[in-house]
């Protein structure tokens, strides 16, 4: 095999992988929003779940994209682990369509197909036409790459050393390891199966040598979901464990079947003149049969994932990110990414809101009865609020930069505004706490009347923030009106209590220093109400934008 063949094989591989990536990206862009809507409405029905997983993967031709999306949905709480297991099974079935497509020999038409796709990309500005162009051009380039690889690898049939290596693949252990490692490196079972088919088309490899490699490829494809689960919540990691368990169990079953039955011979007889079709058929049979066999045991797979990764008991909530997963921003697969991003941001904002509300309550408790331990706890959570704000800024900036449409970018940016308002509320709670500390150290107190008024202001401010604590943005109905009524009451009460304080000061019922502290404390609570109203307005805009986007997609 000379250098010309080596260069030709490398070029063919490059074209093949590029064509597959272009086709997958185009399909994802063309069908992504619709597929996301289907997944969001997924029920717990196992057959529907498998069907949806298979349909999405067949359309976008990437089980990796589907499983990465499932991991993201589980991590964000959009999908239960019990539902994810069915989609993962379906994804393994759907991914076999690529091999079947490659088995159809349209090599002679490949350049013309690529030409049509390039015309759609180059001469049409419409985004949909560009997506369709990527699909068609990718398909043509994929087959051109296949032809180049097959031609370049044909001389390998005459090299005894290479043929000797290939025959070693008939050893189950060696074949599975080679298939798993190769697929893990390129992170695509569809691509690795396609390359195996190219070897078969050149006459280098036969089905008995390829079959165990093929089984290993199903295990190797799990590496993408494993990488996607790094840094996620435990349930997202369990979704990856389910994906890996499915393929390992399937491999064990089919290794036993292949060793004790003439399985390979039967598959050869179905399409005796096309090894490429034989490989595609084995890939399809492996995933369909494994799905049928494991379908009744889906809940057992979930339990197995809990055994491998059990819950940690009596673990306190860590002062760290609870929902944001930065891996979502770096993945090559963007199917339903904006839904995952919005859900993670909303949940993290609710986490930040919960911490902030508790600090506002602590600030009043310190006025009522100062305790240094409580003060230090408030300081710790104030630092946590600042940390969350910084991380949300980084996350939203990254989310906007990955290329979402204008409306999605605007709604993502609104979360940034909410985070800034919460950070300012935390600052006001900290200011109140510092004054409580000063009063304690100077051994002064508010009068009973002044203390009662501060309590009312604290209660009103807390009520504003409590109104903002909801489970999801669908619950934000009339949020602005509700908060606006309370905020207006805060403004009126602030003026009233300020006048009361002036009378107490003129009657010498309090010191000037306490009067200043009281006035500043009223201002802090009033500002907390203002920021709460700002958050309500932002939440309302987010809800409206997402509702509009949903209508457009449907």
Protein backbone atom coordinates (compact mmCIF):
# COMPACT_ATOMS: atom_id res chain seq x y z
CA UNK A 1 0.00 0.00 0.00
CA UNK A 2 1.74 3.20 -1.19
CA UNK A 3 1.50 6.79 0.07
CA UNK A 4 -1.09 7.67 -2.57
CA UNK A 5 -3.49 5.14 -1.10
CA UNK A 6 -2.77 6.35 2.43
CA UNK A 7 -3.51 9.96 1.46
CA UNK A 8 -6.59 8.85 -0.42
CA UNK A 9 -7.85 6.87 2.59
CA UNK A 10 -7.24 9.85 4.92
CA UNK A 11 -9.05 12.17 2.50
CA UNK A 12 -11.93 9.74 2.14
CA UNK A 13 -12.24 9.44 5.91
CA UNK A 14 -12.23 13.24 6.22
CA UNK A 15 -14.97 13.58 3.60
CA UNK A 16 -17.01 10.79 5.21
CA UNK A 17 -16.85 12.30 8.71
CA UNK A 18 -17.47 15.83 7.39
CA UNK A 19 -20.44 14.66 5.33
CA UNK A 20 -21.94 12.82 8.31
CA UNK A 21 -21.46 15.86 10.55
CA UNK A 22 -22.98 18.22 7.95
CA UNK A 23 -25.96 15.92 7.42
CA UNK A 24 -26.52 15.48 11.18
CA UNK A 25 -26.24 19.23 11.82
CA UNK A 26 -28.66 20.02 9.00
CA UNK A 27 -31.18 17.46 10.22
CA UNK A 28 -30.84 18.75 13.76
CA UNK A 29 -31.46 22.33 12.63
CA UNK A 30 -34.39 21.38 10.41
CA UNK A 31 -36.14 19.07 12.86
CA UNK A 32 -34.76 20.09 16.24
CA UNK A 33 -37.59 22.29 17.51
CA UNK A 34 -40.28 19.79 16.52
CA UNK A 35 -38.35 16.93 18.09
CA UNK A 36 -37.94 18.95 21.26
CA UNK A 37 -41.71 19.55 21.45
CA UNK A 38 -42.35 15.82 21.12
CA UNK A 39 -39.88 15.04 23.91
CA UNK A 40 -41.29 17.72 26.20
CA UNK A 41 -44.75 16.13 25.89
CA UNK A 42 -43.40 12.64 26.48
CA UNK A 43 -45.52 10.45 28.70
CA UNK A 44 -44.48 7.55 30.90
CA UNK A 45 -45.72 5.07 28.27
CA UNK A 46 -42.75 2.84 27.45
CA UNK A 47 -43.78 2.16 23.84
CA UNK A 48 -44.30 5.86 23.14
CA UNK A 49 -40.94 6.63 24.75
CA UNK A 50 -39.10 4.06 22.61
CA UNK A 51 -40.90 5.31 19.51
CA UNK A 52 -40.02 8.93 20.21
CA UNK A 53 -36.38 8.07 20.90
CA UNK A 54 -36.15 6.05 17.68
CA UNK A 55 -37.91 8.73 15.61
CA UNK A 56 -35.72 11.58 16.82
CA UNK A 57 -32.51 9.60 16.33
CA UNK A 58 -33.59 8.39 12.89
CA UNK A 59 -34.29 11.98 11.83
CA UNK A 60 -31.08 13.51 13.18
CA UNK A 61 -29.02 10.33 12.62
CA UNK A 62 -27.18 10.63 15.91
CA UNK A 63 -27.93 8.57 18.99
CA UNK A 64 -25.22 10.64 20.72
CA UNK A 65 -27.22 13.84 20.17
CA UNK A 66 -30.38 12.20 21.53
CA UNK A 67 -28.70 10.72 24.62
CA UNK A 68 -26.85 13.99 25.36
CA UNK A 69 -30.21 15.77 25.16
CA UNK A 70 -31.80 13.18 27.47
CA UNK A 71 -28.96 13.59 29.99
CA UNK A 72 -29.52 17.37 29.86
CA UNK A 73 -33.30 16.99 30.29
CA UNK A 74 -32.87 14.66 33.27
CA UNK A 75 -30.29 16.98 34.83
CA UNK A 76 -32.68 19.93 34.43
CA UNK A 77 -35.67 18.09 35.83
CA UNK A 78 -37.52 18.23 32.49
CA UNK A 79 -37.65 14.44 32.27
CA UNK A 80 -37.88 11.70 34.87
CA UNK A 81 -35.26 8.99 34.86
CA UNK A 82 -38.05 6.41 34.48
CA UNK A 83 -39.04 8.07 31.18
CA UNK A 84 -35.45 8.55 29.99
CA UNK A 85 -34.81 4.79 29.91
CA UNK A 86 -37.36 4.30 27.09
CA UNK A 87 -35.97 7.17 25.01
CA UNK A 88 -32.44 5.78 25.38
CA UNK A 89 -33.65 2.38 24.14
CA UNK A 90 -35.34 4.04 21.18
CA UNK A 91 -32.20 6.04 20.38
CA UNK A 92 -30.25 2.81 19.97
CA UNK A 93 -32.84 1.58 17.46
CA UNK A 94 -32.98 4.88 15.55
CA UNK A 95 -29.21 5.06 15.07
CA UNK A 96 -29.27 1.95 12.84
CA UNK A 97 -30.88 3.92 9.99
CA UNK A 98 -27.49 5.40 9.05
CA UNK A 99 -25.97 1.98 8.39
CA UNK A 100 -28.96 0.98 6.29
CA UNK A 101 -28.67 4.21 4.32
CA UNK A 102 -24.95 3.61 3.67
CA UNK A 103 -25.71 0.04 2.54
CA UNK A 104 -27.72 1.51 -0.36
CA UNK A 105 -25.08 2.00 -3.07
CA UNK A 106 -25.68 5.39 -4.68
CA UNK A 107 -21.99 6.15 -5.22
CA UNK A 108 -22.44 7.12 -8.87
CA UNK A 109 -24.97 9.81 -7.91
CA UNK A 110 -23.00 11.12 -4.91
CA UNK A 111 -21.29 14.09 -6.69
CA UNK A 112 -24.62 15.24 -8.16
CA UNK A 113 -26.34 14.94 -4.76
CA UNK A 114 -23.57 17.01 -3.16
CA UNK A 115 -23.93 19.60 -5.96
CA UNK A 116 -27.68 20.02 -5.27
CA UNK A 117 -26.98 20.55 -1.56
CA UNK A 118 -24.30 23.16 -2.25
CA UNK A 119 -26.69 25.03 -4.59
CA UNK A 120 -29.29 25.22 -1.80
CA UNK A 121 -26.69 26.52 0.65
CA UNK A 122 -25.07 29.03 -1.75
CA UNK A 123 -28.04 30.53 -3.58
CA UNK A 124 -30.81 30.57 -0.99
CA UNK A 125 -30.83 32.81 2.10
CA UNK A 126 -33.67 30.98 3.82
CA UNK A 127 -32.47 29.17 6.96
CA UNK A 128 -34.63 26.12 6.22
CA UNK A 129 -33.18 25.80 2.70
CA UNK A 130 -29.69 26.04 4.17
CA UNK A 131 -30.55 23.23 6.62
CA UNK A 132 -31.90 21.06 3.79
CA UNK A 133 -28.83 21.93 1.73
CA UNK A 134 -26.56 20.73 4.55
CA UNK A 135 -28.50 17.45 4.70
CA UNK A 136 -28.27 16.79 0.96
CA UNK A 137 -24.68 18.00 0.55
CA UNK A 138 -23.62 16.00 3.61
CA UNK A 139 -25.23 12.86 2.16
CA UNK A 140 -23.42 13.29 -1.15
CA UNK A 141 -20.06 14.04 0.49
CA UNK A 142 -20.52 11.06 2.81
CA UNK A 143 -20.86 8.66 -0.14
CA UNK A 144 -17.95 10.29 -1.97
CA UNK A 145 -15.83 9.70 1.13
CA UNK A 146 -17.06 6.09 1.32
CA UNK A 147 -16.02 5.48 -2.29
CA UNK A 148 -12.57 7.01 -1.71
CA UNK A 149 -11.99 4.92 1.44
CA UNK A 150 -13.13 1.71 -0.24
CA UNK A 151 -10.86 2.26 -3.24
CA UNK A 152 -7.89 3.22 -1.05
CA UNK A 153 -8.30 0.21 1.24
CA UNK A 154 -8.68 -2.37 -1.55
CA UNK A 155 -4.90 -3.09 -1.72
CA UNK A 156 -4.99 -4.13 1.95
CA UNK A 157 -6.53 -7.43 0.79
CA UNK A 158 -3.14 -8.35 -0.68
CA UNK A 159 -1.13 -7.66 2.51
CA UNK A 160 -0.89 -10.89 4.56
CA UNK A 161 0.07 -9.04 7.77
CA UNK A 162 -3.04 -6.87 7.63
CA UNK A 163 -5.29 -9.80 6.78
CA UNK A 164 -3.79 -11.65 9.76
CA UNK A 165 -4.69 -8.73 12.05
CA UNK A 166 -8.25 -8.63 10.70
CA UNK A 167 -8.75 -12.35 11.34
CA UNK A 168 -7.92 -11.75 15.01
CA UNK A 169 -11.15 -9.70 15.22
CA UNK A 170 -13.01 -13.03 15.14
CA UNK A 171 -11.89 -13.35 18.75
CA UNK A 172 -14.86 -11.88 20.71
CA UNK A 173 -12.72 -10.07 23.29
CA UNK A 174 -10.37 -8.48 20.74
CA UNK A 175 -13.19 -7.54 18.36
CA UNK A 176 -15.30 -5.90 21.09
CA UNK A 177 -12.35 -3.95 22.53
CA UNK A 178 -11.29 -2.68 19.07
CA UNK A 179 -14.85 -1.64 18.20
CA UNK A 180 -15.43 0.09 21.55
CA UNK A 181 -12.13 1.97 21.53
CA UNK A 182 -12.45 3.14 17.92
CA UNK A 183 -16.02 4.36 18.45
CA UNK A 184 -15.07 6.05 21.73
CA UNK A 185 -12.33 7.97 19.90
CA UNK A 186 -14.55 9.31 17.11
CA UNK A 187 -17.63 9.50 19.40
CA UNK A 188 -20.10 8.21 16.82
CA UNK A 189 -21.32 4.65 16.34
CA UNK A 190 -22.88 5.67 13.02
CA UNK A 191 -19.50 6.86 11.72
CA UNK A 192 -17.59 3.83 13.03
CA UNK A 193 -20.17 1.43 11.52
CA UNK A 194 -19.87 3.35 8.25
CA UNK A 195 -16.09 2.94 8.26
CA UNK A 196 -16.52 -0.77 8.95
CA UNK A 197 -18.86 -0.92 5.96
CA UNK A 198 -16.24 0.83 3.83
CA UNK A 199 -13.72 -1.86 4.80
CA UNK A 200 -16.28 -4.50 3.84
CA UNK A 201 -17.01 -2.84 0.49
CA UNK A 202 -13.28 -2.95 -0.35
CA UNK A 203 -13.23 -6.68 0.38
CA UNK A 204 -10.86 -6.31 3.33
CA UNK A 205 -13.20 -7.60 6.02
CA UNK A 206 -16.01 -10.17 6.12
CA UNK A 207 -18.98 -10.37 8.46
CA UNK A 208 -17.44 -13.04 10.78
CA UNK A 209 -14.47 -10.72 11.33
CA UNK A 210 -16.66 -7.62 11.69
CA UNK A 211 -19.45 -8.90 13.89
CA UNK A 212 -17.71 -8.59 17.27
CA UNK A 213 -16.25 -5.22 16.30
CA UNK A 214 -19.82 -4.18 15.57
CA UNK A 215 -20.96 -5.26 19.05
CA UNK A 216 -18.12 -3.27 20.62
CA UNK A 217 -19.10 -0.18 18.64
CA UNK A 218 -22.43 -0.11 20.45
CA UNK A 219 -20.55 0.12 23.77
CA UNK A 220 -18.09 2.74 22.52
CA UNK A 221 -20.87 5.14 21.49
CA UNK A 222 -21.76 5.58 25.19
CA UNK A 223 -18.61 7.69 25.71
CA UNK A 224 -20.44 10.79 24.46
CA UNK A 225 -23.18 10.56 27.07
CA UNK A 226 -20.54 9.73 29.71
CA UNK A 227 -18.70 12.96 28.86
CA UNK A 228 -21.99 14.89 28.85
CA UNK A 229 -22.83 13.66 32.37
CA UNK A 230 -19.59 14.96 33.94
CA UNK A 231 -20.46 17.57 36.54
CA UNK A 232 -24.20 16.87 36.38
CA UNK A 233 -26.66 15.76 39.04
CA UNK A 234 -26.79 12.07 40.01
CA UNK A 235 -29.92 11.34 37.97
CA UNK A 236 -28.19 12.57 34.81
CA UNK A 237 -25.27 10.26 35.58
CA UNK A 238 -27.76 7.43 36.11
CA UNK A 239 -29.18 8.07 32.62
CA UNK A 240 -25.67 7.49 31.27
CA UNK A 241 -25.35 4.30 33.35
CA UNK A 242 -28.63 3.05 31.82
CA UNK A 243 -27.32 3.76 28.31
CA UNK A 244 -24.08 1.90 29.01
CA UNK A 245 -25.88 -1.00 30.77
CA UNK A 246 -28.24 -1.42 27.80
CA UNK A 247 -25.37 -1.87 25.34
CA UNK A 248 -23.24 -4.06 27.61
CA UNK A 249 -26.17 -6.41 28.30
CA UNK A 250 -27.00 -6.49 24.58
CA UNK A 251 -23.38 -7.29 23.72
CA UNK A 252 -23.27 -10.17 26.22
CA UNK A 253 -26.52 -11.60 24.83
CA UNK A 254 -25.38 -11.40 21.21
CA UNK A 255 -21.88 -12.75 21.88
CA UNK A 256 -23.53 -15.85 23.39
CA UNK A 257 -26.00 -16.09 20.46
CA UNK A 258 -23.18 -15.73 17.90
CA UNK A 259 -21.02 -18.36 19.59
CA UNK A 260 -23.70 -21.05 20.02
CA UNK A 261 -25.82 -20.44 16.87
CA UNK A 262 -25.07 -19.85 13.16
CA UNK A 263 -26.17 -16.21 13.60
CA UNK A 264 -23.45 -14.78 11.32
CA UNK A 265 -24.21 -17.32 8.58
CA UNK A 266 -27.93 -16.52 8.71
CA UNK A 267 -27.22 -12.79 8.34
CA UNK A 268 -24.88 -13.51 5.41
CA UNK A 269 -27.57 -15.54 3.61
CA UNK A 270 -30.11 -12.68 3.81
CA UNK A 271 -27.93 -10.43 1.61
CA UNK A 272 -25.17 -12.75 0.27
CA UNK A 273 -23.77 -10.28 -2.27
CA UNK A 274 -23.40 -7.24 0.01
CA UNK A 275 -21.23 -7.37 3.14
CA UNK A 276 -22.11 -3.71 3.74
CA UNK A 277 -25.80 -4.69 4.00
CA UNK A 278 -24.91 -7.62 6.25
CA UNK A 279 -23.16 -5.27 8.68
CA UNK A 280 -26.11 -2.83 8.59
CA UNK A 281 -28.56 -5.67 9.23
CA UNK A 282 -26.59 -7.05 12.19
CA UNK A 283 -26.44 -3.53 13.65
CA UNK A 284 -30.21 -3.20 13.28
CA UNK A 285 -30.99 -6.67 14.65
CA UNK A 286 -28.67 -6.12 17.63
CA UNK A 287 -30.42 -2.93 18.74
CA UNK A 288 -34.00 -3.96 17.91
CA UNK A 289 -33.74 -7.35 19.63
CA UNK A 290 -31.93 -5.91 22.66
CA UNK A 291 -34.68 -3.29 23.00
CA UNK A 292 -37.42 -5.93 22.77
CA UNK A 293 -35.68 -8.14 25.34
CA UNK A 294 -35.00 -5.32 27.82
CA UNK A 295 -38.29 -3.44 27.35
CA UNK A 296 -40.01 -5.34 30.21
CA UNK A 297 -37.01 -4.65 32.45
CA UNK A 298 -36.74 -0.86 32.01
CA UNK A 299 -37.53 -0.19 35.65
CA UNK A 300 -34.94 -2.78 36.64
CA UNK A 301 -32.35 -0.84 34.66
CA UNK A 302 -33.32 2.26 36.63
CA UNK A 303 -32.90 0.32 39.89
CA UNK A 304 -29.54 -0.96 38.66
CA UNK A 305 -28.41 2.62 38.08
CA UNK A 306 -29.38 3.44 41.67
CA UNK A 307 -27.39 0.45 42.91
CA UNK A 308 -24.32 1.58 40.98
CA UNK A 309 -24.77 5.22 42.02
CA UNK A 310 -26.77 5.27 45.28
CA UNK A 311 -28.21 8.32 47.01
CA UNK A 312 -26.13 9.94 49.72
CA UNK A 313 -28.12 10.09 52.95
CA UNK A 314 -28.23 13.04 55.35
CA UNK A 315 -26.20 15.24 53.06
CA UNK A 316 -26.62 18.99 53.60
CA UNK A 317 -27.23 21.23 50.63
CA UNK A 318 -23.84 22.32 49.33
CA UNK A 319 -23.03 25.98 48.74
CA UNK A 320 -22.42 25.35 45.06
CA UNK A 321 -24.31 25.43 41.79
CA UNK A 322 -27.41 23.30 42.15
CA UNK A 323 -28.69 23.29 38.57
CA UNK A 324 -26.35 25.01 36.09
CA UNK A 325 -24.36 22.57 33.95
CA UNK A 326 -21.72 24.34 31.85
CA UNK A 327 -21.25 21.14 29.78
CA UNK A 328 -24.48 22.04 27.98
CA UNK A 329 -22.74 25.07 26.48
CA UNK A 330 -19.72 23.15 25.21
CA UNK A 331 -21.45 20.15 23.62
CA UNK A 332 -21.48 19.79 19.83
CA UNK A 333 -25.14 18.77 19.98
CA UNK A 334 -27.60 21.67 20.30
CA UNK A 335 -30.91 19.80 20.00
CA UNK A 336 -33.29 21.37 22.56
CA UNK A 337 -30.31 23.12 24.19
CA UNK A 338 -32.21 26.37 24.73
CA UNK A 339 -34.94 24.51 26.64
CA UNK A 340 -32.33 22.94 28.92
CA UNK A 341 -30.58 26.32 29.35
CA UNK A 342 -33.80 28.12 30.31
CA UNK A 343 -34.83 25.40 32.74
CA UNK A 344 -31.42 25.32 34.41
CA UNK A 345 -31.33 29.11 34.69
CA UNK A 346 -34.84 29.26 36.08
CA UNK A 347 -34.10 26.58 38.69
CA UNK A 348 -30.79 28.18 39.71
CA UNK A 349 -32.49 31.57 40.00
CA UNK A 350 -35.10 29.97 42.27
CA UNK A 351 -32.26 28.52 44.35
CA UNK A 352 -30.68 31.99 44.56
CA UNK A 353 -34.07 33.51 45.43
CA UNK A 354 -34.58 30.99 48.24
CA UNK A 355 -31.19 31.85 49.78
CA UNK A 356 -31.89 35.59 49.41
CA UNK A 357 -35.32 35.37 51.06
CA UNK A 358 -33.80 33.57 54.04
CA UNK A 359 -31.13 36.26 54.38
CA UNK A 360 -33.79 38.98 54.37
CA UNK A 361 -35.56 37.11 57.18
CA UNK A 362 -32.28 36.72 59.09
CA UNK A 363 -31.60 40.44 58.84
CA UNK A 364 -34.82 41.23 60.75
CA UNK A 365 -34.16 38.44 63.27
CA UNK A 366 -30.81 40.12 64.00
CA UNK A 367 -32.58 43.43 64.70
CA UNK A 368 -35.04 41.65 66.94
CA UNK A 369 -32.45 39.57 68.81
CA UNK A 370 -28.83 39.89 67.68
CA UNK A 371 -26.80 36.68 67.60
CA UNK A 372 -23.23 36.60 66.28
CA UNK A 373 -23.55 33.02 64.99
CA UNK A 374 -26.60 33.99 62.94
CA UNK A 375 -24.73 37.08 61.67
CA UNK A 376 -21.84 34.91 60.45
CA UNK A 377 -24.32 32.56 58.78
CA UNK A 378 -25.88 35.54 56.98
CA UNK A 379 -22.40 36.64 55.82
CA UNK A 380 -21.69 33.13 54.50
CA UNK A 381 -24.91 33.07 52.49
CA UNK A 382 -24.28 36.61 51.21
CA UNK A 383 -21.00 35.33 49.78
CA UNK A 384 -22.94 32.42 48.26
CA UNK A 385 -25.39 34.85 46.63
CA UNK A 386 -22.46 36.75 45.11
CA UNK A 387 -20.97 33.46 43.89
CA UNK A 388 -24.25 32.44 42.25
CA UNK A 389 -24.54 35.83 40.57
CA UNK A 390 -21.02 35.50 39.14
CA UNK A 391 -21.67 31.97 37.85
CA UNK A 392 -25.02 32.96 36.32
CA UNK A 393 -23.28 35.83 34.50
CA UNK A 394 -20.73 33.35 33.08
CA UNK A 395 -23.46 30.86 32.14
CA UNK A 396 -25.76 33.37 30.44
CA UNK A 397 -22.85 34.93 28.55
CA UNK A 398 -21.85 31.48 27.31
CA UNK A 399 -25.46 30.61 26.43
CA UNK A 400 -25.93 33.75 24.35
CA UNK A 401 -22.63 33.18 22.54
CA UNK A 402 -23.42 29.65 21.26
CA UNK A 403 -25.78 31.01 18.60
CA UNK A 404 -29.45 31.10 19.62
CA UNK A 405 -32.16 33.14 17.90
CA UNK A 406 -32.74 36.74 18.99
CA UNK A 407 -35.82 36.01 21.11
CA UNK A 408 -34.09 33.16 22.97
CA UNK A 409 -31.06 35.37 23.53
CA UNK A 410 -33.29 38.11 24.95
CA UNK A 411 -35.01 35.74 27.39
CA UNK A 412 -31.65 34.32 28.49
CA UNK A 413 -30.39 37.87 29.10
CA UNK A 414 -33.41 38.59 31.31
CA UNK A 415 -32.20 35.92 33.75
CA UNK A 416 -29.02 37.94 34.04
CA UNK A 417 -31.09 40.95 35.08
CA UNK A 418 -32.98 38.88 37.66
CA UNK A 419 -29.70 37.63 39.11
CA UNK A 420 -28.43 41.21 39.43
CA UNK A 421 -31.62 42.24 41.27
CA UNK A 422 -31.28 39.30 43.66
CA UNK A 423 -27.65 40.21 44.31
CA UNK A 424 -28.72 43.77 45.22
CA UNK A 425 -31.43 42.42 47.54
CA UNK A 426 -28.74 40.36 49.24
CA UNK A 427 -26.66 43.54 49.67
CA UNK A 428 -29.61 45.32 51.33
CA UNK A 429 -30.09 42.39 53.73
CA UNK A 430 -26.38 42.59 54.54
CA UNK A 431 -26.65 46.35 55.21
CA UNK A 432 -29.55 45.77 57.64
CA UNK A 433 -27.54 43.05 59.40
CA UNK A 434 -24.53 45.37 59.80
CA UNK A 435 -26.71 48.02 61.44
CA UNK A 436 -28.16 45.39 63.77
CA UNK A 437 -24.61 44.52 64.76
CA UNK A 438 -23.73 48.19 65.38
CA UNK A 439 -26.80 48.62 67.59
CA UNK A 440 -25.90 45.48 69.55
CA UNK A 441 -22.30 46.64 70.06
CA UNK A 442 -23.48 50.11 71.16
CA UNK A 443 -26.17 48.56 73.37
CA UNK A 444 -29.01 50.51 71.80
CA UNK A 445 -32.42 49.33 70.60
CA UNK A 446 -35.38 50.56 68.63
CA UNK A 447 -38.46 51.54 70.58
CA UNK A 448 -41.33 49.04 70.62
CA UNK A 449 -43.24 51.17 68.11
CA UNK A 450 -40.25 51.48 65.76
CA UNK A 451 -39.53 47.76 66.07
CA UNK A 452 -43.13 46.94 65.17
CA UNK A 453 -42.86 49.14 62.08
CA UNK A 454 -39.61 47.46 61.00
CA UNK A 455 -41.32 44.10 61.42
CA UNK A 456 -44.17 45.21 59.13
CA UNK A 457 -41.67 46.41 56.49
CA UNK A 458 -39.74 43.14 56.72
CA UNK A 459 -42.97 41.16 56.36
CA UNK A 460 -44.07 43.13 53.27
CA UNK A 461 -40.65 42.82 51.61
CA UNK A 462 -40.52 39.10 52.31
CA UNK A 463 -44.04 38.71 50.93
CA UNK A 464 -42.91 40.24 47.62
CA UNK A 465 -40.09 37.73 47.34
CA UNK A 466 -42.27 34.79 48.37
CA UNK A 467 -44.62 35.60 45.47
CA UNK A 468 -41.70 35.06 43.10
CA UNK A 469 -41.01 31.51 44.36
CA UNK A 470 -42.74 29.20 41.85
CA UNK A 471 -42.01 25.74 40.44
CA UNK A 472 -41.74 26.78 36.77
CA UNK A 473 -42.38 29.78 34.52
CA UNK A 474 -45.83 28.45 33.58
CA UNK A 475 -46.94 29.40 37.14
CA UNK A 476 -46.05 33.07 36.62
CA UNK A 477 -49.61 34.16 35.84
CA UNK A 478 -50.39 37.78 36.76
CA UNK A 479 -47.12 37.89 38.71
CA UNK A 480 -46.55 41.61 38.00
CA UNK A 481 -50.00 42.61 39.24
CA UNK A 482 -49.61 40.61 42.46
CA UNK A 483 -46.17 42.02 43.26
CA UNK A 484 -47.07 45.56 42.18
CA UNK A 485 -49.89 45.72 44.75
CA UNK A 486 -47.53 44.71 47.57
CA UNK A 487 -44.74 47.00 46.34
CA UNK A 488 -47.12 49.98 46.25
CA UNK A 489 -48.13 49.15 49.81
CA UNK A 490 -44.43 49.16 50.78
CA UNK A 491 -43.96 52.63 49.27
CA UNK A 492 -46.99 54.03 51.13
CA UNK A 493 -45.95 52.35 54.38
CA UNK A 494 -42.39 53.68 54.05
CA UNK A 495 -43.69 57.26 53.82
CA UNK A 496 -46.03 56.73 56.75
CA UNK A 497 -43.36 55.20 58.99
CA UNK A 498 -40.85 57.88 58.02
CA UNK A 499 -43.29 60.52 59.25
CA UNK A 500 -43.80 58.57 62.49
CA UNK A 501 -40.04 58.50 62.99
CA UNK A 502 -39.76 62.28 62.49
CA UNK A 503 -42.39 62.79 65.19
CA UNK A 504 -40.53 60.46 67.57
CA UNK A 505 -37.31 62.34 66.88
CA UNK A 506 -38.92 65.73 67.44
CA UNK A 507 -40.45 64.44 70.67
CA UNK A 508 -36.97 63.18 71.68
CA UNK A 509 -38.28 59.62 71.95
CA UNK A 510 -35.21 58.30 70.11
CA UNK A 511 -31.61 59.29 69.47
CA UNK A 512 -30.41 60.85 66.22
CA UNK A 513 -28.19 57.83 65.56
CA UNK A 514 -31.09 55.37 65.98
CA UNK A 515 -33.25 57.59 63.80
CA UNK A 516 -30.65 57.45 61.02
CA UNK A 517 -30.41 53.65 61.35
CA UNK A 518 -34.21 53.35 61.29
CA UNK A 519 -34.55 55.54 58.19
CA UNK A 520 -31.82 53.65 56.31
CA UNK A 521 -33.43 50.34 57.27
CA UNK A 522 -36.80 51.51 55.90
CA UNK A 523 -35.03 52.52 52.68
CA UNK A 524 -33.42 49.08 52.42
CA UNK A 525 -36.76 47.33 52.73
CA UNK A 526 -38.31 49.73 50.23
CA UNK A 527 -35.49 49.02 47.76
CA UNK A 528 -35.98 45.27 48.29
CA UNK A 529 -39.59 45.78 47.16
CA UNK A 530 -38.40 47.69 44.08
CA UNK A 531 -36.01 44.93 43.09
CA UNK A 532 -38.74 42.36 43.70
CA UNK A 533 -40.99 44.23 41.24
CA UNK A 534 -38.13 44.35 38.73
CA UNK A 535 -37.80 40.56 39.01
CA UNK A 536 -41.56 40.11 38.52
CA UNK A 537 -41.43 42.22 35.34
CA UNK A 538 -38.46 40.19 34.04
CA UNK A 539 -40.23 36.91 34.85
CA UNK A 540 -43.32 38.12 33.00
CA UNK A 541 -41.25 39.02 29.92
CA UNK A 542 -39.53 35.62 30.02
CA UNK A 543 -42.91 33.88 30.20
CA UNK A 544 -44.25 35.89 27.24
CA UNK A 545 -41.14 35.27 25.10
CA UNK A 546 -41.19 31.52 25.76
CA UNK A 547 -44.93 31.35 25.04
CA UNK A 548 -44.38 33.15 21.71
CA UNK A 549 -41.52 30.83 20.77
CA UNK A 550 -43.66 27.77 21.58
CA UNK A 551 -46.47 29.09 19.35
CA UNK A 552 -44.01 29.71 16.50
CA UNK A 553 -42.55 26.21 16.77
CA UNK A 554 -45.93 24.55 16.85
